[in-house]
Each structure stands twice: as structure tokens, then as C-alpha cells.
Amino acid sequence: MRWWKIAGLAGLAGVAATGVVIARAERKRRAYTPEEIRGRLHERAAEAATKPELDKP
């Protein structure tokens, strides 16, 4: 088998694996209810409000 065939198969496997990861993340994201998302956003906003800002150049 030529090296470009092996590279092509490796690329195809990488694309398939990336698709699986994206699909899994999308399913996980859509599993949240609007109330859960709202609660998380409120928690993150409260946490960000209590953290002191760092001096940015």
C-alpha cells in the first residue's frame, strides 16, 4: 500500500472520529432543560462578579 493511501485512510478515520465527538457533545448540550441552562448562567455571572479583575495591559 502506498503512503498516500495510508495517509488518506488516517485522514478519513480522523474525520469520522471528529464527527462522533461533535455529535456526542451536541446530544449532551441539547439534554439540558432551559431552567438548568438559566441556573448555570446565573451561577457563572455571580462567580464572575465576585472575582477581582486582573490588570490587563
PDB file of N, CA and C in Angstrom:
ATOM      1  N   MET A   1       0.848  -1.181   0.000  1.00  0.00           N
ATOM      2  CA  MET A   1       0.000   0.000   0.000  1.00  0.00           C
ATOM      3  C   MET A   1       0.890   1.240   0.000  1.00  0.00           C
ATOM      4  N   ARG A   2       0.570   2.186  -0.785  1.00  0.00           N
ATOM      5  CA  ARG A   2       1.354   3.412  -0.889  1.00  0.00           C
ATOM      6  C   ARG A   2       1.106   4.303   0.323  1.00  0.00           C
ATOM      7  N   TRP A   3       2.073   5.178   0.571  1.00  0.00           N
ATOM      8  CA  TRP A   3       1.980   6.027   1.753  1.00  0.00           C
ATOM      9  C   TRP A   3       0.795   6.970   1.686  1.00  0.00           C
ATOM     10  N   TRP A   4       0.414   7.432   0.495  1.00  0.00           N
ATOM     11  CA  TRP A   4      -0.716   8.364   0.410  1.00  0.00           C
ATOM     12  C   TRP A   4      -2.044   7.675   0.676  1.00  0.00           C
ATOM     13  N   LYS A   5      -2.100   6.370   0.415  1.00  0.00           N
ATOM     14  CA  LYS A   5      -3.320   5.627   0.753  1.00  0.00           C
ATOM     15  C   LYS A   5      -3.452   5.516   2.273  1.00  0.00           C
ATOM     16  N   ILE A   6      -2.331   5.272   2.921  1.00  0.00           N
ATOM     17  CA  ILE A   6      -2.344   5.188   4.389  1.00  0.00           C
ATOM     18  C   ILE A   6      -2.695   6.549   4.985  1.00  0.00           C
ATOM     19  N   ALA A   7      -2.132   7.620   4.422  1.00  0.00           N
ATOM     20  CA  ALA A   7      -2.446   8.957   4.902  1.00  0.00           C
ATOM     21  C   ALA A   7      -3.923   9.276   4.675  1.00  0.00           C
ATOM     22  N   GLY A   8      -4.463   8.865   3.543  1.00  0.00           N
ATOM     23  CA  GLY A   8      -5.881   9.088   3.256  1.00  0.00           C
ATOM     24  C   GLY A   8      -6.780   8.341   4.214  1.00  0.00           C
ATOM     25  N   LEU A   9      -6.430   7.096   4.496  1.00  0.00           N
ATOM     26  CA  LEU A   9      -7.226   6.311   5.455  1.00  0.00           C
ATOM     27  C   LEU A   9      -7.140   6.908   6.854  1.00  0.00           C
ATOM     28  N   ALA A  10      -5.963   7.386   7.234  1.00  0.00           N
ATOM     29  CA  ALA A  10      -5.814   8.017   8.542  1.00  0.00           C
ATOM     30  C   ALA A  10      -6.641   9.306   8.610  1.00  0.00           C
ATOM     31  N   GLY A  11      -6.648  10.070   7.524  1.00  0.00           N
ATOM     32  CA  GLY A  11      -7.456  11.284   7.482  1.00  0.00           C
ATOM     33  C   GLY A  11      -8.936  10.984   7.574  1.00  0.00           C
ATOM     34  N   LEU A  12      -9.368   9.944   6.869  1.00  0.00           N
ATOM     35  CA  LEU A  12     -10.771   9.532   6.916  1.00  0.00           C
ATOM     36  C   LEU A  12     -11.163   9.090   8.327  1.00  0.00           C
ATOM     37  N   ALA A  13     -10.281   8.359   8.983  1.00  0.00           N
ATOM     38  CA  ALA A  13     -10.552   7.936  10.362  1.00  0.00           C
ATOM     39  C   ALA A  13     -10.623   9.142  11.288  1.00  0.00           C
ATOM     40  N   GLY A  14      -9.777  10.135  11.056  1.00  0.00           N
ATOM     41  CA  GLY A  14      -9.801  11.348  11.875  1.00  0.00           C
ATOM     42  C   GLY A  14     -11.085  12.128  11.698  1.00  0.00           C
ATOM     43  N   VAL A  15     -11.550  12.242  10.463  1.00  0.00           N
ATOM     44  CA  VAL A  15     -12.802  12.946  10.199  1.00  0.00           C
ATOM     45  C   VAL A  15     -13.973  12.221  10.856  1.00  0.00           C
ATOM     46  N   ALA A  16     -13.989  10.898  10.765  1.00  0.00           N
ATOM     47  CA  ALA A  16     -15.067  10.122  11.386  1.00  0.00           C
ATOM     48  C   ALA A  16     -15.044  10.283  12.904  1.00  0.00           C
ATOM     49  N   ALA A  17     -13.861  10.249  13.493  1.00  0.00           N
ATOM     50  CA  ALA A  17     -13.756  10.396  14.946  1.00  0.00           C
ATOM     51  C   ALA A  17     -14.197  11.790  15.385  1.00  0.00           C
ATOM     52  N   THR A  18     -13.851  12.796  14.615  1.00  0.00           N
ATOM     53  CA  THR A  18     -14.274  14.164  14.939  1.00  0.00           C
ATOM     54  C   THR A  18     -15.788  14.288  14.881  1.00  0.00           C
ATOM     55  N   GLY A  19     -16.402  13.668  13.886  1.00  0.00           N
ATOM     56  CA  GLY A  19     -17.861  13.681  13.775  1.00  0.00           C
ATOM     57  C   GLY A  19     -18.531  13.040  14.968  1.00  0.00           C
ATOM     58  N   VAL A  20     -17.966  11.945  15.437  1.00  0.00           N
ATOM     59  CA  VAL A  20     -18.519  11.261  16.610  1.00  0.00           C
ATOM     60  C   VAL A  20     -18.436  12.155  17.833  1.00  0.00           C
ATOM     61  N   VAL A  21     -17.304  12.814  18.028  1.00  0.00           N
ATOM     62  CA  VAL A  21     -17.123  13.698  19.189  1.00  0.00           C
ATOM     63  C   VAL A  21     -18.103  14.860  19.128  1.00  0.00           C
ATOM     64  N   ILE A  22     -18.273  15.446  17.963  1.00  0.00           N
ATOM     65  CA  ILE A  22     -19.196  16.580  17.814  1.00  0.00           C
ATOM     66  C   ILE A  22     -20.631  16.145  18.061  1.00  0.00           C
ATOM     67  N   ALA A  23     -21.020  14.998  17.522  1.00  0.00           N
ATOM     68  CA  ALA A  23     -22.387  14.509  17.718  1.00  0.00           C
ATOM     69  C   ALA A  23     -22.658  14.224  19.192  1.00  0.00           C
ATOM     70  N   ARG A  24     -21.685  13.662  19.871  1.00  0.00           N
ATOM     71  CA  ARG A  24     -21.855  13.356  21.300  1.00  0.00           C
ATOM     72  C   ARG A  24     -21.999  14.638  22.109  1.00  0.00           C
ATOM     73  N   ALA A  25     -21.191  15.638  21.801  1.00  0.00           N
ATOM     74  CA  ALA A  25     -21.265  16.911  22.518  1.00  0.00           C
ATOM     75  C   ALA A  25     -22.603  17.600  22.252  1.00  0.00           C
ATOM     76  N   GLU A  26     -23.083  17.524  21.029  1.00  0.00           N
ATOM     77  CA  GLU A  26     -24.364  18.149  20.685  1.00  0.00           C
ATOM     78  C   GLU A  26     -25.514  17.480  21.443  1.00  0.00           C
ATOM     79  N   ARG A  27     -25.494  16.159  21.502  1.00  0.00           N
ATOM     80  CA  ARG A  27     -26.534  15.444  22.255  1.00  0.00           C
ATOM     81  C   ARG A  27     -26.502  15.830  23.726  1.00  0.00           C
ATOM     82  N   LYS A  28     -25.305  15.937  24.279  1.00  0.00           N
ATOM     83  CA  LYS A  28     -25.160  16.309  25.680  1.00  0.00           C
ATOM     84  C   LYS A  28     -25.673  17.726  25.916  1.00  0.00           C
ATOM     85  N   ARG A  29     -25.359  18.646  24.990  1.00  0.00           N
ATOM     86  CA  ARG A  29     -25.781  20.034  25.133  1.00  0.00           C
ATOM     87  C   ARG A  29     -27.291  20.163  25.052  1.00  0.00           C
ATOM     88  N   ARG A  30     -27.918  19.439  24.169  1.00  0.00           N
ATOM     89  CA  ARG A  30     -29.363  19.534  23.996  1.00  0.00           C
ATOM     90  C   ARG A  30     -30.149  18.846  25.114  1.00  0.00           C
ATOM     91  N   ALA A  31     -29.462  18.091  25.952  1.00  0.00           N
ATOM     92  CA  ALA A  31     -30.133  17.376  27.034  1.00  0.00           C
ATOM     93  C   ALA A  31     -30.488  18.301  28.199  1.00  0.00           C
ATOM     94  N   TYR A  32     -29.906  19.510  28.231  1.00  0.00           N
ATOM     95  CA  TYR A  32     -30.186  20.433  29.318  1.00  0.00           C
ATOM     96  C   TYR A  32     -31.557  21.080  29.129  1.00  0.00           C
ATOM     97  N   THR A  33     -32.243  21.270  30.234  1.00  0.00           N
ATOM     98  CA  THR A  33     -33.515  21.992  30.175  1.00  0.00           C
ATOM     99  C   THR A  33     -33.213  23.486  30.233  1.00  0.00           C
ATOM    100  N   PRO A  34     -34.131  24.323  29.787  1.00  0.00           N
ATOM    101  CA  PRO A  34     -33.889  25.766  29.859  1.00  0.00           C
ATOM    102  C   PRO A  34     -33.630  26.257  31.287  1.00  0.00           C
ATOM    103  N   GLU A  35     -34.267  25.638  32.255  1.00  0.00           N
ATOM    104  CA  GLU A  35     -34.059  26.038  33.651  1.00  0.00           C
ATOM    105  C   GLU A  35     -32.629  25.723  34.100  1.00  0.00           C
ATOM    106  N   GLU A  36     -32.103  24.573  33.662  1.00  0.00           N
ATOM    107  CA  GLU A  36     -30.730  24.216  34.019  1.00  0.00           C
ATOM    108  C   GLU A  36     -29.739  25.195  33.393  1.00  0.00           C
ATOM    109  N   ILE A  37     -29.970  25.544  32.152  1.00  0.00           N
ATOM    110  CA  ILE A  37     -29.088  26.495  31.482  1.00  0.00           C
ATOM    111  C   ILE A  37     -29.144  27.848  32.171  1.00  0.00           C
ATOM    112  N   ARG A  38     -30.340  28.306  32.492  1.00  0.00           N
ATOM    113  CA  ARG A  38     -30.504  29.599  33.167  1.00  0.00           C
ATOM    114  C   ARG A  38     -29.791  29.586  34.518  1.00  0.00           C
ATOM    115  N   GLY A  39     -29.957  28.505  35.263  1.00  0.00           N
ATOM    116  CA  GLY A  39     -29.295  28.388  36.563  1.00  0.00           C
ATOM    117  C   GLY A  39     -27.783  28.427  36.440  1.00  0.00           C
ATOM    118  N   ARG A  40     -27.239  27.721  35.444  1.00  0.00           N
ATOM    119  CA  ARG A  40     -25.791  27.729  35.232  1.00  0.00           C
ATOM    120  C   ARG A  40     -25.300  29.122  34.862  1.00  0.00           C
ATOM    121  N   LEU A  41     -26.048  29.798  34.001  1.00  0.00           N
ATOM    122  CA  LEU A  41     -25.644  31.147  33.614  1.00  0.00           C
ATOM    123  C   LEU A  41     -25.658  32.097  34.806  1.00  0.00           C
ATOM    124  N   HIS A  42     -26.660  31.967  35.655  1.00  0.00           N
ATOM    125  CA  HIS A  42     -26.723  32.811  36.854  1.00  0.00           C
ATOM    126  C   HIS A  42     -25.547  32.514  37.780  1.00  0.00           C
ATOM    127  N   GLU A  43     -25.193  31.235  37.934  1.00  0.00           N
ATOM    128  CA  GLU A  43     -24.053  30.862  38.772  1.00  0.00           C
ATOM    129  C   GLU A  43     -22.761  31.449  38.222  1.00  0.00           C
ATOM    130  N   ARG A  44     -22.575  31.336  36.908  1.00  0.00           N
ATOM    131  CA  ARG A  44     -21.355  31.854  36.294  1.00  0.00           C
ATOM    132  C   ARG A  44     -21.287  33.377  36.392  1.00  0.00           C
ATOM    133  N   ALA A  45     -22.421  34.040  36.234  1.00  0.00           N
ATOM    134  CA  ALA A  45     -22.440  35.501  36.337  1.00  0.00           C
ATOM    135  C   ALA A  45     -22.105  35.939  37.756  1.00  0.00           C
ATOM    136  N   ALA A  46     -22.663  35.249  38.747  1.00  0.00           N
ATOM    137  CA  ALA A  46     -22.375  35.588  40.142  1.00  0.00           C
ATOM    138  C   ALA A  46     -20.909  35.330  40.460  1.00  0.00           C
ATOM    139  N   GLU A  47     -20.360  34.255  39.942  1.00  0.00           N
ATOM    140  CA  GLU A  47     -18.959  33.927  40.165  1.00  0.00           C
ATOM    141  C   GLU A  47     -18.056  34.978  39.518  1.00  0.00           C
ATOM    142  N   ALA A  48     -18.412  35.393  38.320  1.00  0.00           N
ATOM    143  CA  ALA A  48     -17.608  36.403  37.627  1.00  0.00           C
ATOM    144  C   ALA A  48     -17.689  37.750  38.335  1.00  0.00           C
ATOM    145  N   ALA A  49     -18.810  38.056  38.942  1.00  0.00           N
ATOM    146  CA  ALA A  49     -18.972  39.332  39.631  1.00  0.00           C
ATOM    147  C   ALA A  49     -18.151  39.379  40.915  1.00  0.00           C
ATOM    148  N   THR A  50     -17.906  38.232  41.532  1.00  0.00           N
ATOM    149  CA  THR A  50     -17.161  38.213  42.787  1.00  0.00           C
ATOM    150  C   THR A  50     -15.654  38.144  42.572  1.00  0.00           C
ATOM    151  N   LYS A  51     -15.210  37.728  41.375  1.00  0.00           N
ATOM    152  CA  LYS A  51     -13.771  37.650  41.103  1.00  0.00           C
ATOM    153  C   LYS A  51     -13.235  39.041  40.811  1.00  0.00           C
ATOM    154  N   PRO A  52     -12.090  39.377  41.402  1.00  0.00           N
ATOM    155  CA  PRO A  52     -11.481  40.674  41.073  1.00  0.00           C
ATOM    156  C   PRO A  52     -10.902  40.633  39.662  1.00  0.00           C
ATOM    157  N   GLU A  53     -11.025  41.737  38.962  1.00  0.00           N
ATOM    158  CA  GLU A  53     -10.495  41.805  37.607  1.00  0.00           C
ATOM    159  C   GLU A  53      -8.986  41.953  37.669  1.00  0.00           C
ATOM    160  N   LEU A  54      -8.309  41.251  36.787  1.00  0.00           N
ATOM    161  CA  LEU A  54      -6.857  41.381  36.704  1.00  0.00           C
ATOM    162  C   LEU A  54      -6.517  42.577  35.835  1.00  0.00           C
ATOM    163  N   ASP A  55      -5.410  43.210  36.159  1.00  0.00           N
ATOM    164  CA  ASP A  55      -4.966  44.334  35.335  1.00  0.00           C
ATOM    165  C   ASP A  55      -4.547  43.801  33.980  1.00  0.00           C
ATOM    166  N   LYS A  56      -5.179  44.312  32.952  1.00  0.00           N
ATOM    167  CA  LYS A  56      -4.857  43.867  31.602  1.00  0.00           C
ATOM    168  C   LYS A  56      -4.044  44.951  30.912  1.00  0.00           C
ATOM    169  N   PRO A  57      -2.991  44.567  30.215  1.00  0.00           N
ATOM    170  CA  PRO A  57      -2.140  45.576  29.548  1.00  0.00           C
ATOM    171  C   PRO A  57      -2.841  46.248  28.398  1.00  0.00           C
TER     172      PRO A  57
END
